[in-house]
Protein backbone atom coordinates (compact mmCIF):
# COMPACT_ATOMS: atom_id res chain seq x y z
CA LEU A 1 -96.95 -82.09 -81.52
CA GLU A 2 -94.06 -84.51 -81.09
CA HIS A 3 -93.83 -87.90 -82.72
CA ASP A 4 -90.98 -90.40 -82.72
CA GLY A 5 -91.91 -91.73 -86.16
CA ALA A 6 -92.13 -95.37 -84.98
CA GLU A 7 -95.73 -95.72 -86.17
CA ALA A 8 -98.11 -93.78 -88.35
CA LEU A 9 -99.76 -90.89 -86.58
CA GLU A 10 -103.01 -89.42 -87.84
CA VAL A 11 -104.17 -86.21 -86.22
CA ARG A 12 -107.23 -84.30 -87.36
CA ILE A 13 -106.04 -80.79 -88.05
CA HIS A 14 -108.90 -79.41 -90.19
CA ARG A 15 -111.53 -77.45 -88.30
CA THR A 16 -113.55 -74.25 -88.26
CA VAL A 17 -112.75 -71.27 -86.08
CA GLU A 18 -115.53 -68.71 -85.64
CA HIS A 19 -115.57 -65.11 -84.54
CA SER A 20 -119.30 -64.41 -84.07
CA ASP A 21 -121.36 -64.22 -87.27
CA LEU A 22 -118.79 -61.85 -88.77
CA LEU A 23 -115.88 -64.18 -89.55
CA ARG A 24 -115.38 -67.92 -89.99
CA PHE A 25 -112.07 -69.62 -90.74
CA PHE A 26 -111.97 -73.00 -92.45
CA VAL A 27 -108.57 -74.38 -91.42
CA LEU A 28 -107.52 -77.12 -93.85
CA ASP A 29 -104.95 -79.90 -93.80
CA GLY A 30 -103.36 -80.11 -97.24
CA ARG A 31 -100.51 -82.40 -96.23
CA GLN A 32 -101.82 -85.48 -94.47
CA TYR A 33 -104.42 -86.84 -96.93
CA ARG A 34 -103.17 -85.69 -100.35
CA SER A 35 -102.46 -87.82 -103.41
CA ALA A 36 -98.85 -88.32 -104.47
CA TYR A 37 -97.38 -85.81 -106.92
CA PRO A 38 -98.55 -86.39 -110.49
CA THR A 39 -94.95 -87.18 -111.47
CA GLY A 40 -94.44 -89.58 -108.56
CA THR A 41 -91.69 -88.10 -106.40
CA GLU A 42 -90.79 -84.82 -108.11
CA SER A 43 -92.50 -81.78 -106.56
CA GLN A 44 -91.74 -79.58 -109.59
CA GLY A 45 -91.52 -80.14 -113.29
CA LEU A 46 -92.85 -79.65 -116.78
CA ASP A 47 -96.60 -79.56 -117.21
CA ASP A 48 -98.07 -83.02 -116.75
CA PRO A 49 -101.61 -83.99 -117.81
CA ARG A 50 -101.97 -86.18 -114.71
CA ARG A 51 -102.27 -83.05 -112.56
CA PHE A 52 -105.81 -82.67 -114.01
CA ASP A 53 -106.95 -86.21 -113.02
CA GLU A 54 -110.33 -86.14 -111.27
CA ASP A 55 -109.28 -88.70 -108.66
CA ARG A 56 -106.39 -86.55 -107.42
CA THR A 57 -106.98 -84.85 -104.09
CA MET A 58 -105.19 -82.30 -101.93
CA LEU A 59 -107.49 -82.79 -98.93
CA GLY A 60 -108.76 -86.37 -99.16
CA ALA A 61 -112.39 -87.35 -99.79
CA GLU A 62 -113.49 -87.11 -96.14
CA GLN A 63 -112.10 -83.60 -95.63
CA GLU A 64 -113.54 -82.44 -98.98
CA ALA A 65 -117.01 -83.68 -97.92
CA TRP A 66 -116.62 -82.02 -94.51
CA LEU A 67 -115.63 -78.72 -96.17
CA ASP A 68 -118.57 -78.84 -98.58
CA GLY A 69 -120.91 -79.33 -95.59
CA GLU A 70 -119.27 -76.44 -93.72
CA PHE A 71 -119.63 -74.17 -96.78
CA ALA A 72 -123.32 -75.12 -96.99
CA ALA A 73 -123.87 -74.27 -93.30
CA THR A 74 -121.95 -71.00 -92.92
CA ALA A 75 -123.84 -67.78 -92.31
CA ALA A 76 -120.72 -65.71 -91.61
CA ARG A 77 -120.25 -62.41 -93.40
CA TRP A 78 -116.59 -63.20 -94.23
CA ASN A 79 -115.42 -66.77 -94.88
CA VAL A 80 -111.69 -67.45 -94.93
CA VAL A 81 -110.10 -70.68 -96.15
CA ALA A 82 -106.77 -70.97 -94.32
CA GLN A 83 -104.40 -73.58 -95.72
CA GLN A 84 -100.75 -74.37 -96.32
CA THR A 85 -99.97 -73.89 -100.03
CA VAL A 86 -100.55 -71.44 -102.87
CA MET A 87 -103.97 -72.08 -104.40
CA THR A 88 -103.85 -69.79 -107.42
CA ALA A 89 -102.45 -71.15 -110.68
CA THR A 90 -98.76 -70.28 -110.89
CA PRO A 91 -97.29 -71.52 -114.18
CA ILE A 92 -93.61 -70.68 -114.53
CA PRO A 93 -92.59 -70.05 -118.16
CA VAL A 94 -89.00 -71.03 -118.95
CA GLY A 95 -88.20 -70.56 -122.63
CA ASP A 96 -90.75 -72.57 -124.60
CA ALA A 97 -91.60 -74.78 -121.61
CA THR A 98 -93.90 -74.28 -118.64
CA PHE A 99 -92.98 -75.55 -115.18
CA TYR A 100 -95.34 -76.10 -112.25
CA ASN A 101 -94.91 -76.58 -108.53
CA PHE A 102 -96.85 -79.83 -108.00
CA ASP A 103 -96.64 -79.42 -104.22
CA GLN A 104 -99.11 -76.53 -104.52
CA TRP A 105 -102.69 -76.72 -105.81
CA ASP A 106 -101.33 -76.70 -109.39
CA GLY A 107 -100.61 -80.39 -108.81
CA TYR A 108 -104.26 -80.95 -107.85
CA VAL A 109 -106.31 -78.98 -110.39
CA ALA A 110 -109.52 -81.06 -110.10
CA ALA A 111 -109.41 -80.79 -106.29
CA ARG A 112 -108.99 -77.01 -106.54
CA ASN A 113 -111.95 -76.88 -108.93
CA ARG A 114 -114.09 -78.93 -106.53
CA LEU A 115 -113.29 -76.53 -103.67
CA LEU A 116 -114.04 -73.44 -105.77
CA ARG A 117 -117.19 -75.02 -107.22
CA SER A 118 -118.37 -75.78 -103.67
CA LEU A 119 -117.92 -72.11 -102.72
CA VAL A 120 -120.00 -71.09 -105.76
CA ASP A 121 -122.69 -73.76 -105.37
CA ASN A 122 -123.12 -73.00 -101.66
CA GLN A 123 -123.12 -69.22 -102.28
CA VAL A 124 -120.55 -68.62 -99.56
CA ARG A 125 -120.44 -64.91 -98.76
CA ASN A 126 -117.20 -62.93 -99.17
CA PRO A 127 -114.78 -65.84 -99.44
CA MET A 128 -111.01 -65.40 -99.18
CA VAL A 129 -108.10 -67.82 -99.16
CA LEU A 130 -105.02 -67.45 -96.95
CA SER A 131 -101.94 -69.30 -98.14
CA GLY A 132 -98.38 -69.72 -97.03
CA ASP A 133 -95.35 -71.94 -97.56
CA ILE A 134 -93.72 -69.64 -100.09
CA HIS A 135 -91.20 -66.85 -99.68
CA LEU A 136 -93.25 -63.96 -101.06
CA ALA A 137 -96.46 -62.09 -100.37
CA GLY A 138 -99.23 -61.19 -102.76
CA VAL A 139 -102.91 -60.94 -103.53
CA HIS A 140 -104.31 -63.04 -106.36
CA VAL A 141 -107.64 -63.79 -107.98
CA LEU A 142 -108.48 -67.49 -108.24
CA PHE A 143 -109.76 -69.03 -111.46
CA LEU A 144 -111.97 -72.05 -111.87
CA GLU A 145 -110.54 -74.30 -114.61
CA VAL A 146 -113.06 -76.58 -116.31
CA GLY A 147 -111.30 -78.71 -118.91
CA ALA A 148 -110.27 -76.45 -121.79
CA GLU A 149 -112.86 -73.87 -120.71
CA ILE A 150 -111.78 -71.42 -118.03
CA GLY A 151 -114.38 -69.72 -115.88
CA PHE A 152 -113.74 -66.77 -113.58
CA VAL A 153 -114.58 -66.68 -109.89
CA ALA A 154 -114.00 -63.39 -108.08
CA LEU A 155 -112.21 -64.83 -105.08
CA PHE A 156 -109.12 -63.32 -103.50
CA GLN A 157 -106.12 -65.23 -102.20
CA PHE A 158 -103.73 -63.56 -99.80
CA THR A 159 -100.30 -65.17 -99.70
CA LEU A 160 -98.55 -64.21 -96.50
CA LEU A 161 -94.97 -64.70 -95.48
CA ARG A 162 -93.25 -65.04 -92.19
CA ARG A 163 -92.08 -61.95 -90.33
CA ALA A 164 -88.42 -62.81 -90.91
CA HIS A 165 -88.84 -62.33 -94.67
CA VAL A 166 -89.90 -58.68 -94.65
CA GLY A 167 -89.17 -55.56 -92.72
CA ARG A 168 -92.84 -55.21 -91.76
CA ARG A 169 -95.13 -57.71 -90.08
CA PRO A 170 -97.47 -59.53 -92.55
CA ASP A 171 -100.55 -58.70 -90.49
CA VAL A 172 -99.65 -54.99 -90.69
CA CYS A 173 -99.15 -55.28 -94.47
CA LEU A 174 -102.52 -57.02 -94.83
CA ARG A 175 -104.22 -54.44 -92.58
CA ASP A 176 -102.72 -51.57 -94.61
CA PHE A 177 -103.80 -53.21 -97.87
CA MET A 178 -107.34 -53.76 -96.57
CA GLN A 179 -107.60 -50.16 -95.33
CA ALA A 180 -106.32 -48.78 -98.64
CA GLN A 181 -108.78 -50.96 -100.56
CA ARG A 182 -111.74 -50.88 -98.16
CA ASP A 183 -114.04 -49.18 -100.67
CA GLN A 184 -113.04 -51.49 -103.53
CA LEU A 185 -112.34 -54.83 -101.82
CA HIS A 186 -115.30 -57.16 -101.93
CA ALA A 187 -115.74 -60.69 -103.17
CA PRO A 188 -119.05 -61.31 -104.91
CA PHE A 189 -119.38 -64.39 -107.09
CA TRP A 190 -119.25 -64.04 -110.82
CA LEU A 191 -118.98 -67.18 -112.93
CA ILE A 192 -118.31 -66.31 -116.53
CA THR A 193 -117.76 -69.03 -119.07
CA ALA A 194 -116.30 -68.58 -122.54
């Protein structure tokens, strides 16, 4: 997609991609419709209470409503949310302070909670999140934060990196992980509140 920048360009990127009733991808656009960083222009910084504001959004109201409707309608066995940034909470302790990357979902806590709550409320089967835009790979469990109370949702996030960053292809690493964990890897919903 080329654009000379002379005028605003809005392109709908979010969509679903299906592979029979086995697998459905929900491809999100977390760049075009998001709120500004809670600090204004700084993408990283000390913890800021504005990152919890209910009116903050990573996806925009229209895309959030679309996604909720798609979650309600899916009958796929595996449901994968594919999007650009790390969704799991990633606080970075530095001495007595805690830093956050506001460009990721940590800058949009209420929006992350709405997405996770929609997965729970719609009883989406075997959900997973694919993330990128970071120079590491990992598997994480996502948590639903509700004010001071933290609930637990058994939902896995796979953070993949580009081929240039590792000696092995990310799809091979993911395949090997899935094969090694095939008897243990499942994603039922458990919501446990304190």
